[in-house]
Amino acid sequence: MSKNLERIIGNLPGLESLELRGFLEYLCVEPLRERLSLTFNHLKCLKIVLNFETEKESAFALSLFQGAPHLESLHVYVYYREVRHGLKLWEMVDRKVDLFKRLQMVKIINFGDDDRNTILAFVKFVLDSAPQLLTLIIKEPYYIGEDKTKILKALLLLQRASPKSQIIFK
């Protein structure tokens, strides 16, 4: 975990909700390959703005997820700045670990064409890792266009750890 974030929120052990937007790139000094040094045991809701195509931000998000064992609600707003197709981080994470043991709702906003494969890999990761997931909402941008049917088919074919989970594509 970034030492910058540890300094900012490390002294808030009872933190229940966290929103990270607009400055994630400054917290990510270098790509992370390890777990958090702190655990957010009370964190139930996380809202994060994330560029899935940057290794630094994706690794940072993964380490944050690992440090939030009681997370119930996750909101991800996808933004595009630097597109590097082929980032495989979400495909390499060990699926046997119930990372999102208590996660019930995920909302991904601005799902688009630019990095569709990476976001689909993240969705697969969430569905594999969330045995109590009830709802996965994906809000598309207006420009997603004719590939909508392909995306819907890909989403419906993904296996799920939770038999109760439903995918809502708006």
N, C-alpha and C. Protein backbone atom coordinates (compact mmCIF):
# COMPACT_ATOMS: atom_id res chain seq x y z
N MET A 1 0.85 -1.17 0.00
CA MET A 1 0.00 0.00 0.00
C MET A 1 0.89 1.22 0.00
N SER A 2 0.42 2.21 -0.62
CA SER A 2 1.16 3.45 -0.68
C SER A 2 1.34 4.05 0.70
N LYS A 3 2.55 4.47 0.98
CA LYS A 3 2.83 5.15 2.27
C LYS A 3 2.03 6.44 2.37
N ASN A 4 1.74 7.07 1.22
CA ASN A 4 0.93 8.29 1.22
C ASN A 4 -0.46 8.02 1.76
N LEU A 5 -1.09 6.95 1.32
CA LEU A 5 -2.43 6.63 1.81
C LEU A 5 -2.39 6.23 3.28
N GLU A 6 -1.37 5.49 3.67
CA GLU A 6 -1.24 5.10 5.07
C GLU A 6 -1.16 6.34 5.96
N ARG A 7 -0.44 7.36 5.53
CA ARG A 7 -0.36 8.60 6.31
C ARG A 7 -1.71 9.30 6.37
N ILE A 8 -2.46 9.25 5.27
CA ILE A 8 -3.73 9.97 5.21
C ILE A 8 -4.82 9.29 6.02
N ILE A 9 -5.01 7.98 5.83
CA ILE A 9 -6.14 7.31 6.49
C ILE A 9 -5.73 6.21 7.46
N GLY A 10 -4.47 6.05 7.69
CA GLY A 10 -3.99 4.99 8.57
C GLY A 10 -4.44 5.14 10.02
N ASN A 11 -4.77 6.35 10.44
CA ASN A 11 -5.20 6.58 11.81
C ASN A 11 -6.72 6.63 11.96
N LEU A 12 -7.42 6.08 11.01
CA LEU A 12 -8.89 6.05 11.05
C LEU A 12 -9.37 4.60 11.10
N PRO A 13 -9.16 3.91 12.21
CA PRO A 13 -9.48 2.48 12.27
C PRO A 13 -10.97 2.16 12.13
N GLY A 14 -11.84 3.11 12.45
CA GLY A 14 -13.27 2.86 12.37
C GLY A 14 -13.89 3.29 11.04
N LEU A 15 -13.07 3.56 10.04
CA LEU A 15 -13.54 4.03 8.74
C LEU A 15 -14.53 3.04 8.13
N GLU A 16 -15.75 3.49 7.83
CA GLU A 16 -16.79 2.61 7.27
C GLU A 16 -17.03 2.86 5.79
N SER A 17 -16.71 4.05 5.32
CA SER A 17 -16.95 4.40 3.92
C SER A 17 -15.76 5.23 3.44
N LEU A 18 -15.30 4.91 2.23
CA LEU A 18 -14.14 5.61 1.67
C LEU A 18 -14.40 5.90 0.21
N GLU A 19 -14.14 7.14 -0.19
CA GLU A 19 -14.27 7.53 -1.60
C GLU A 19 -12.94 8.08 -2.06
N LEU A 20 -12.35 7.45 -3.07
CA LEU A 20 -11.07 7.88 -3.63
C LEU A 20 -11.31 8.29 -5.07
N ARG A 21 -11.15 9.58 -5.33
CA ARG A 21 -11.33 10.05 -6.70
C ARG A 21 -10.46 11.25 -6.97
N GLY A 22 -9.92 11.28 -8.17
CA GLY A 22 -9.18 12.44 -8.61
C GLY A 22 -7.72 12.51 -8.22
N PHE A 23 -7.27 11.67 -7.30
CA PHE A 23 -5.87 11.76 -6.90
C PHE A 23 -5.21 10.40 -6.74
N LEU A 24 -5.83 9.38 -7.24
CA LEU A 24 -5.30 8.03 -7.08
C LEU A 24 -3.91 7.91 -7.68
N GLU A 25 -3.68 8.55 -8.82
CA GLU A 25 -2.37 8.47 -9.47
C GLU A 25 -1.25 9.02 -8.58
N TYR A 26 -1.57 9.94 -7.68
CA TYR A 26 -0.55 10.50 -6.79
C TYR A 26 -0.26 9.57 -5.61
N LEU A 27 -1.22 8.73 -5.27
CA LEU A 27 -1.00 7.76 -4.19
C LEU A 27 -0.20 6.56 -4.69
N CYS A 28 -0.22 6.35 -6.00
CA CYS A 28 0.43 5.19 -6.61
C CYS A 28 1.80 5.59 -7.12
N VAL A 29 2.79 5.56 -6.27
CA VAL A 29 4.12 5.97 -6.67
C VAL A 29 4.77 4.90 -7.54
N GLU A 30 4.54 3.65 -7.20
CA GLU A 30 5.11 2.55 -7.98
C GLU A 30 4.13 1.39 -7.95
N PRO A 31 4.21 0.49 -8.91
CA PRO A 31 3.31 -0.66 -8.90
C PRO A 31 3.52 -1.50 -7.64
N LEU A 32 2.42 -1.95 -7.07
CA LEU A 32 2.47 -2.73 -5.83
C LEU A 32 2.37 -4.22 -6.14
N ARG A 33 3.03 -5.01 -5.35
CA ARG A 33 2.97 -6.45 -5.53
C ARG A 33 2.71 -7.15 -4.20
N GLU A 34 2.24 -6.38 -3.22
CA GLU A 34 2.08 -6.94 -1.89
C GLU A 34 0.76 -6.50 -1.26
N ARG A 35 0.44 -7.13 -0.14
CA ARG A 35 -0.77 -6.79 0.61
C ARG A 35 -0.57 -5.48 1.37
N LEU A 36 -1.69 -4.97 1.82
CA LEU A 36 -1.67 -3.77 2.67
C LEU A 36 -0.97 -4.04 3.99
N SER A 37 -0.38 -3.01 4.54
CA SER A 37 0.18 -3.16 5.88
C SER A 37 -0.89 -2.82 6.92
N LEU A 38 -2.01 -2.23 6.49
CA LEU A 38 -3.12 -2.00 7.41
C LEU A 38 -4.39 -2.64 6.89
N THR A 39 -5.28 -2.92 7.83
CA THR A 39 -6.55 -3.56 7.49
C THR A 39 -7.68 -2.64 7.91
N PHE A 40 -8.63 -2.47 7.02
CA PHE A 40 -9.80 -1.64 7.28
C PHE A 40 -10.96 -2.57 7.66
N ASN A 41 -11.00 -3.00 8.91
CA ASN A 41 -11.99 -3.98 9.36
C ASN A 41 -13.42 -3.46 9.35
N HIS A 42 -13.60 -2.15 9.38
CA HIS A 42 -14.95 -1.58 9.42
C HIS A 42 -15.41 -1.04 8.07
N LEU A 43 -14.52 -1.07 7.09
CA LEU A 43 -14.86 -0.51 5.78
C LEU A 43 -15.90 -1.37 5.08
N LYS A 44 -17.06 -0.78 4.84
CA LYS A 44 -18.17 -1.50 4.20
C LYS A 44 -18.46 -0.99 2.79
N CYS A 45 -18.12 0.27 2.53
CA CYS A 45 -18.42 0.87 1.23
C CYS A 45 -17.17 1.56 0.69
N LEU A 46 -16.81 1.21 -0.54
CA LEU A 46 -15.66 1.83 -1.20
C LEU A 46 -16.11 2.36 -2.55
N LYS A 47 -15.83 3.63 -2.79
CA LYS A 47 -16.08 4.26 -4.08
C LYS A 47 -14.73 4.69 -4.61
N ILE A 48 -14.42 4.25 -5.82
CA ILE A 48 -13.09 4.50 -6.35
C ILE A 48 -13.15 4.84 -7.84
N VAL A 49 -12.38 5.84 -8.25
CA VAL A 49 -12.23 6.20 -9.66
C VAL A 49 -10.95 5.52 -10.12
N LEU A 50 -11.05 4.72 -11.19
CA LEU A 50 -9.95 3.84 -11.54
C LEU A 50 -9.74 3.75 -13.04
N ASN A 51 -8.49 3.83 -13.45
CA ASN A 51 -8.11 3.56 -14.83
C ASN A 51 -7.57 2.13 -14.85
N PHE A 52 -8.34 1.20 -15.36
CA PHE A 52 -7.97 -0.21 -15.35
C PHE A 52 -6.75 -0.53 -16.19
N GLU A 53 -6.39 0.35 -17.08
CA GLU A 53 -5.28 0.08 -17.98
C GLU A 53 -3.93 0.51 -17.43
N THR A 54 -3.89 1.03 -16.22
CA THR A 54 -2.60 1.36 -15.63
C THR A 54 -2.31 0.35 -14.52
N GLU A 55 -1.16 -0.24 -14.58
CA GLU A 55 -0.79 -1.27 -13.60
C GLU A 55 -0.75 -0.69 -12.19
N LYS A 56 -0.26 0.52 -12.04
CA LYS A 56 -0.16 1.13 -10.72
C LYS A 56 -1.52 1.23 -10.05
N GLU A 57 -2.49 1.77 -10.77
CA GLU A 57 -3.81 1.97 -10.17
C GLU A 57 -4.51 0.65 -9.92
N SER A 58 -4.40 -0.30 -10.84
CA SER A 58 -5.04 -1.60 -10.65
C SER A 58 -4.43 -2.34 -9.46
N ALA A 59 -3.11 -2.32 -9.34
CA ALA A 59 -2.43 -2.99 -8.23
C ALA A 59 -2.77 -2.30 -6.90
N PHE A 60 -2.88 -0.98 -6.94
CA PHE A 60 -3.27 -0.23 -5.75
C PHE A 60 -4.68 -0.64 -5.32
N ALA A 61 -5.61 -0.70 -6.28
CA ALA A 61 -6.98 -1.10 -5.97
C ALA A 61 -7.02 -2.52 -5.39
N LEU A 62 -6.27 -3.42 -6.00
CA LEU A 62 -6.23 -4.80 -5.50
C LEU A 62 -5.73 -4.85 -4.05
N SER A 63 -4.68 -4.10 -3.75
CA SER A 63 -4.17 -4.11 -2.37
C SER A 63 -5.19 -3.50 -1.41
N LEU A 64 -5.93 -2.50 -1.88
CA LEU A 64 -6.98 -1.91 -1.05
C LEU A 64 -8.11 -2.92 -0.80
N PHE A 65 -8.50 -3.66 -1.84
CA PHE A 65 -9.54 -4.70 -1.68
C PHE A 65 -9.08 -5.76 -0.68
N GLN A 66 -7.81 -6.14 -0.75
CA GLN A 66 -7.28 -7.16 0.16
C GLN A 66 -7.29 -6.68 1.60
N GLY A 67 -7.21 -5.39 1.81
CA GLY A 67 -7.19 -4.84 3.16
C GLY A 67 -8.56 -4.47 3.69
N ALA A 68 -9.61 -4.82 2.96
CA ALA A 68 -10.98 -4.50 3.37
C ALA A 68 -11.83 -5.77 3.40
N PRO A 69 -11.62 -6.62 4.41
CA PRO A 69 -12.28 -7.93 4.42
C PRO A 69 -13.80 -7.90 4.61
N HIS A 70 -14.35 -6.77 5.05
CA HIS A 70 -15.78 -6.70 5.30
C HIS A 70 -16.51 -5.81 4.30
N LEU A 71 -15.89 -5.56 3.18
CA LEU A 71 -16.47 -4.71 2.15
C LEU A 71 -17.78 -5.30 1.64
N GLU A 72 -18.83 -4.49 1.63
CA GLU A 72 -20.15 -4.94 1.16
C GLU A 72 -20.58 -4.26 -0.13
N SER A 73 -20.09 -3.05 -0.37
CA SER A 73 -20.51 -2.28 -1.53
C SER A 73 -19.29 -1.66 -2.19
N LEU A 74 -19.19 -1.86 -3.50
CA LEU A 74 -18.05 -1.35 -4.27
C LEU A 74 -18.58 -0.60 -5.49
N HIS A 75 -18.17 0.66 -5.62
CA HIS A 75 -18.55 1.49 -6.76
C HIS A 75 -17.26 1.85 -7.49
N VAL A 76 -17.19 1.50 -8.76
CA VAL A 76 -16.00 1.80 -9.55
C VAL A 76 -16.42 2.68 -10.72
N TYR A 77 -15.84 3.87 -10.78
CA TYR A 77 -16.05 4.75 -11.93
C TYR A 77 -14.80 4.62 -12.80
N VAL A 78 -14.99 4.12 -14.00
CA VAL A 78 -13.87 3.88 -14.91
C VAL A 78 -13.58 5.15 -15.69
N TYR A 79 -12.32 5.51 -15.74
CA TYR A 79 -11.94 6.63 -16.58
C TYR A 79 -10.80 6.20 -17.50
N TYR A 80 -10.65 6.93 -18.56
CA TYR A 80 -9.67 6.59 -19.59
C TYR A 80 -8.69 7.73 -19.76
N ARG A 81 -7.43 7.42 -19.66
CA ARG A 81 -6.41 8.41 -19.93
C ARG A 81 -5.26 7.75 -20.68
N GLU A 82 -4.88 6.62 -20.20
CA GLU A 82 -3.72 5.94 -20.76
C GLU A 82 -4.17 4.51 -21.06
N VAL A 83 -4.33 4.18 -22.31
CA VAL A 83 -4.83 2.86 -22.65
C VAL A 83 -3.67 1.98 -23.11
N ARG A 84 -3.46 0.90 -22.39
CA ARG A 84 -2.46 -0.10 -22.75
C ARG A 84 -3.17 -1.44 -22.75
N HIS A 85 -3.59 -1.88 -23.88
CA HIS A 85 -4.32 -3.14 -23.95
C HIS A 85 -3.42 -4.30 -23.52
N GLY A 86 -4.02 -5.23 -22.82
CA GLY A 86 -3.28 -6.42 -22.47
C GLY A 86 -2.86 -6.51 -21.01
N LEU A 87 -3.26 -5.57 -20.15
CA LEU A 87 -2.94 -5.65 -18.74
C LEU A 87 -3.63 -6.89 -18.16
N LYS A 88 -2.86 -7.78 -17.56
CA LYS A 88 -3.37 -9.08 -17.13
C LYS A 88 -3.50 -9.22 -15.61
N LEU A 89 -3.40 -8.15 -14.87
CA LEU A 89 -3.40 -8.22 -13.41
C LEU A 89 -4.60 -8.99 -12.87
N TRP A 90 -5.80 -8.66 -13.33
CA TRP A 90 -7.02 -9.26 -12.78
C TRP A 90 -7.12 -10.73 -13.12
N GLU A 91 -6.48 -11.16 -14.18
CA GLU A 91 -6.50 -12.57 -14.55
C GLU A 91 -5.49 -13.38 -13.74
N MET A 92 -4.50 -12.72 -13.16
CA MET A 92 -3.44 -13.41 -12.43
C MET A 92 -3.72 -13.58 -10.94
N VAL A 93 -4.73 -12.89 -10.42
CA VAL A 93 -5.03 -12.97 -8.99
C VAL A 93 -5.59 -14.35 -8.67
N ASP A 94 -5.15 -14.90 -7.54
CA ASP A 94 -5.58 -16.22 -7.09
C ASP A 94 -7.09 -16.21 -6.83
N ARG A 95 -7.83 -16.97 -7.59
CA ARG A 95 -9.29 -17.02 -7.48
C ARG A 95 -9.75 -17.85 -6.27
N LYS A 96 -8.86 -18.64 -5.70
CA LYS A 96 -9.24 -19.50 -4.58
C LYS A 96 -9.45 -18.70 -3.30
N VAL A 97 -8.90 -17.50 -3.25
CA VAL A 97 -9.03 -16.66 -2.08
C VAL A 97 -10.37 -15.92 -2.17
N ASP A 98 -11.19 -16.04 -1.13
CA ASP A 98 -12.46 -15.31 -1.10
C ASP A 98 -12.20 -13.86 -0.72
N LEU A 99 -11.70 -13.12 -1.67
CA LEU A 99 -11.33 -11.73 -1.41
C LEU A 99 -12.53 -10.88 -1.02
N PHE A 100 -13.63 -11.09 -1.70
CA PHE A 100 -14.85 -10.31 -1.46
C PHE A 100 -15.88 -11.18 -0.73
N LYS A 101 -15.53 -11.69 0.43
CA LYS A 101 -16.40 -12.62 1.17
C LYS A 101 -17.77 -12.05 1.47
N ARG A 102 -17.84 -10.76 1.73
CA ARG A 102 -19.11 -10.15 2.15
C ARG A 102 -19.69 -9.17 1.13
N LEU A 103 -19.04 -9.05 0.01
CA LEU A 103 -19.49 -8.10 -1.01
C LEU A 103 -20.86 -8.49 -1.54
N GLN A 104 -21.79 -7.53 -1.52
CA GLN A 104 -23.15 -7.79 -1.97
C GLN A 104 -23.53 -7.00 -3.22
N MET A 105 -22.89 -5.83 -3.40
CA MET A 105 -23.26 -5.00 -4.53
C MET A 105 -22.02 -4.35 -5.14
N VAL A 106 -21.95 -4.41 -6.47
CA VAL A 106 -20.89 -3.75 -7.22
C VAL A 106 -21.54 -2.92 -8.31
N LYS A 107 -21.03 -1.72 -8.48
CA LYS A 107 -21.52 -0.86 -9.55
C LYS A 107 -20.31 -0.37 -10.32
N ILE A 108 -20.30 -0.63 -11.62
CA ILE A 108 -19.22 -0.17 -12.49
C ILE A 108 -19.83 0.85 -13.46
N ILE A 109 -19.29 2.06 -13.40
CA ILE A 109 -19.84 3.15 -14.20
C ILE A 109 -18.84 3.52 -15.29
N ASN A 110 -19.34 3.72 -16.48
CA ASN A 110 -18.55 4.15 -17.64
C ASN A 110 -17.80 2.98 -18.28
N PHE A 111 -18.41 1.83 -18.26
CA PHE A 111 -17.89 0.64 -18.93
C PHE A 111 -17.87 0.96 -20.42
N GLY A 112 -16.70 0.92 -21.04
CA GLY A 112 -16.62 1.34 -22.44
C GLY A 112 -15.84 0.41 -23.33
N ASP A 113 -15.72 0.82 -24.57
CA ASP A 113 -15.03 0.03 -25.58
C ASP A 113 -13.52 0.04 -25.44
N ASP A 114 -12.95 1.13 -24.92
CA ASP A 114 -11.51 1.30 -24.92
C ASP A 114 -10.76 0.19 -24.21
N ASP A 115 -11.27 -0.25 -23.08
CA ASP A 115 -10.56 -1.27 -22.31
C ASP A 115 -11.51 -2.38 -21.88
N ARG A 116 -12.40 -2.75 -22.75
CA ARG A 116 -13.43 -3.74 -22.46
C ARG A 116 -12.86 -5.04 -21.92
N ASN A 117 -11.80 -5.56 -22.51
CA ASN A 117 -11.26 -6.85 -22.06
C ASN A 117 -10.73 -6.78 -20.64
N THR A 118 -10.09 -5.69 -20.30
CA THR A 118 -9.57 -5.54 -18.94
C THR A 118 -10.71 -5.43 -17.94
N ILE A 119 -11.76 -4.68 -18.29
CA ILE A 119 -12.89 -4.55 -17.38
C ILE A 119 -13.64 -5.87 -17.27
N LEU A 120 -13.77 -6.59 -18.36
CA LEU A 120 -14.39 -7.92 -18.29
C LEU A 120 -13.58 -8.86 -17.39
N ALA A 121 -12.26 -8.75 -17.44
CA ALA A 121 -11.41 -9.56 -16.55
C ALA A 121 -11.66 -9.17 -15.10
N PHE A 122 -11.85 -7.88 -14.83
CA PHE A 122 -12.17 -7.44 -13.47
C PHE A 122 -13.54 -7.97 -13.04
N VAL A 123 -14.53 -7.90 -13.91
CA VAL A 123 -15.87 -8.41 -13.60
C VAL A 123 -15.80 -9.91 -13.30
N LYS A 124 -15.06 -10.65 -14.10
CA LYS A 124 -14.88 -12.09 -13.85
C LYS A 124 -14.23 -12.31 -12.49
N PHE A 125 -13.22 -11.51 -12.18
CA PHE A 125 -12.55 -11.58 -10.88
C PHE A 125 -13.54 -11.36 -9.74
N VAL A 126 -14.38 -10.34 -9.86
CA VAL A 126 -15.38 -10.05 -8.82
C VAL A 126 -16.38 -11.19 -8.70
N LEU A 127 -16.91 -11.65 -9.82
CA LEU A 127 -17.90 -12.73 -9.78
C LEU A 127 -17.32 -14.01 -9.18
N ASP A 128 -16.05 -14.30 -9.46
CA ASP A 128 -15.38 -15.48 -8.92
C ASP A 128 -15.10 -15.35 -7.42
N SER A 129 -14.94 -14.11 -6.94
CA SER A 129 -14.44 -13.87 -5.58
C SER A 129 -15.51 -13.41 -4.60
N ALA A 130 -16.76 -13.33 -5.01
CA ALA A 130 -17.81 -12.76 -4.16
C ALA A 130 -18.96 -13.76 -3.96
N PRO A 131 -18.84 -14.66 -2.98
CA PRO A 131 -19.87 -15.68 -2.79
C PRO A 131 -21.22 -15.16 -2.30
N GLN A 132 -21.28 -13.90 -1.82
CA GLN A 132 -22.55 -13.34 -1.34
C GLN A 132 -23.06 -12.21 -2.24
N LEU A 133 -22.47 -12.07 -3.41
CA LEU A 133 -22.86 -10.99 -4.31
C LEU A 133 -24.32 -11.16 -4.74
N LEU A 134 -25.06 -10.07 -4.63
CA LEU A 134 -26.45 -10.07 -5.07
C LEU A 134 -26.62 -9.34 -6.39
N THR A 135 -25.93 -8.21 -6.54
CA THR A 135 -26.13 -7.36 -7.71
C THR A 135 -24.82 -6.81 -8.24
N LEU A 136 -24.64 -6.94 -9.54
CA LEU A 136 -23.55 -6.29 -10.25
C LEU A 136 -24.19 -5.40 -11.30
N ILE A 137 -24.04 -4.10 -11.13
CA ILE A 137 -24.63 -3.14 -12.06
C ILE A 137 -23.53 -2.58 -12.93
N ILE A 138 -23.74 -2.61 -14.23
CA ILE A 138 -22.78 -2.04 -15.16
C ILE A 138 -23.50 -0.96 -15.95
N LYS A 139 -23.03 0.27 -15.77
CA LYS A 139 -23.60 1.39 -16.51
C LYS A 139 -22.68 1.71 -17.66
N GLU A 140 -23.21 1.62 -18.83
CA GLU A 140 -22.43 1.88 -20.03
C GLU A 140 -22.43 3.36 -20.37
N PRO A 141 -21.38 3.82 -21.04
CA PRO A 141 -21.44 5.18 -21.58
C PRO A 141 -22.32 5.17 -22.82
N TYR A 142 -22.73 6.32 -23.24
CA TYR A 142 -23.64 6.42 -24.38
C TYR A 142 -23.02 5.93 -25.68
N TYR A 143 -21.70 5.87 -25.79
CA TYR A 143 -21.05 5.56 -27.07
C TYR A 143 -20.70 4.09 -27.26
N ILE A 144 -21.16 3.21 -26.42
CA ILE A 144 -20.74 1.81 -26.51
C ILE A 144 -21.22 1.16 -27.81
N GLY A 145 -22.35 1.61 -28.32
CA GLY A 145 -22.77 1.24 -29.66
C GLY A 145 -23.16 -0.20 -29.91
N GLU A 146 -22.77 -0.69 -31.09
CA GLU A 146 -23.24 -1.97 -31.59
C GLU A 146 -22.64 -3.19 -30.90
N ASP A 147 -21.58 -3.02 -30.15
CA ASP A 147 -20.96 -4.15 -29.45
C ASP A 147 -21.72 -4.54 -28.18
N LYS A 148 -22.81 -3.87 -27.90
CA LYS A 148 -23.56 -4.12 -26.67
C LYS A 148 -23.98 -5.59 -26.57
N THR A 149 -24.43 -6.19 -27.66
CA THR A 149 -24.86 -7.59 -27.64
C THR A 149 -23.69 -8.51 -27.31
N LYS A 150 -22.53 -8.26 -27.88
CA LYS A 150 -21.35 -9.08 -27.58
C LYS A 150 -20.97 -8.99 -26.11
N ILE A 151 -21.03 -7.77 -25.57
CA ILE A 151 -20.69 -7.57 -24.16
C ILE A 151 -21.69 -8.29 -23.27
N LEU A 152 -22.97 -8.17 -23.59
CA LEU A 152 -24.00 -8.85 -22.80
C LEU A 152 -23.80 -10.36 -22.81
N LYS A 153 -23.50 -10.92 -23.97
CA LYS A 153 -23.24 -12.37 -24.05
C LYS A 153 -22.04 -12.76 -23.20
N ALA A 154 -20.97 -11.98 -23.29
CA ALA A 154 -19.77 -12.27 -22.50
C ALA A 154 -20.07 -12.21 -21.01
N LEU A 155 -20.85 -11.23 -20.59
CA LEU A 155 -21.21 -11.10 -19.17
C LEU A 155 -22.06 -12.27 -18.69
N LEU A 156 -23.00 -12.69 -19.50
CA LEU A 156 -23.89 -13.79 -19.10
C LEU A 156 -23.18 -15.13 -19.03
N LEU A 157 -22.10 -15.28 -19.76
CA LEU A 157 -21.35 -16.54 -19.76
C LEU A 157 -20.38 -16.68 -18.59
N LEU A 158 -20.15 -15.61 -17.87
CA LEU A 158 -19.20 -15.65 -16.76
C LEU A 158 -19.75 -16.48 -15.60
N GLN A 159 -18.91 -17.33 -15.03
CA GLN A 159 -19.31 -18.12 -13.86
C GLN A 159 -19.34 -17.22 -12.64
N ARG A 160 -20.15 -17.62 -11.66
CA ARG A 160 -20.34 -16.80 -10.46
C ARG A 160 -20.19 -17.64 -9.21
N ALA A 161 -19.55 -17.07 -8.20
CA ALA A 161 -19.43 -17.75 -6.90
C ALA A 161 -20.76 -17.71 -6.16
N SER A 162 -21.58 -16.72 -6.45
CA SER A 162 -22.88 -16.59 -5.80
C SER A 162 -23.99 -16.98 -6.76
N PRO A 163 -24.75 -18.01 -6.41
CA PRO A 163 -25.87 -18.40 -7.28
C PRO A 163 -26.99 -17.36 -7.29
N LYS A 164 -26.98 -16.44 -6.33
CA LYS A 164 -28.02 -15.42 -6.24
C LYS A 164 -27.68 -14.15 -7.01
N SER A 165 -26.47 -14.07 -7.52
CA SER A 165 -26.06 -12.81 -8.15
C SER A 165 -26.75 -12.58 -9.49
N GLN A 166 -27.03 -11.33 -9.73
CA GLN A 166 -27.60 -10.94 -11.01
C GLN A 166 -26.78 -9.79 -11.59
N ILE A 167 -26.70 -9.78 -12.90
CA ILE A 167 -25.98 -8.73 -13.59
C ILE A 167 -27.01 -7.82 -14.26
N ILE A 168 -26.91 -6.55 -13.95
CA ILE A 168 -27.81 -5.56 -14.54
C ILE A 168 -26.96 -4.66 -15.41
N PHE A 169 -27.31 -4.59 -16.68
CA PHE A 169 -26.57 -3.79 -17.66
C PHE A 169 -27.46 -2.63 -18.07
N LYS A 170 -27.06 -1.41 -17.72
CA LYS A 170 -27.88 -0.24 -18.03
C LYS A 170 -27.24 0.59 -19.11
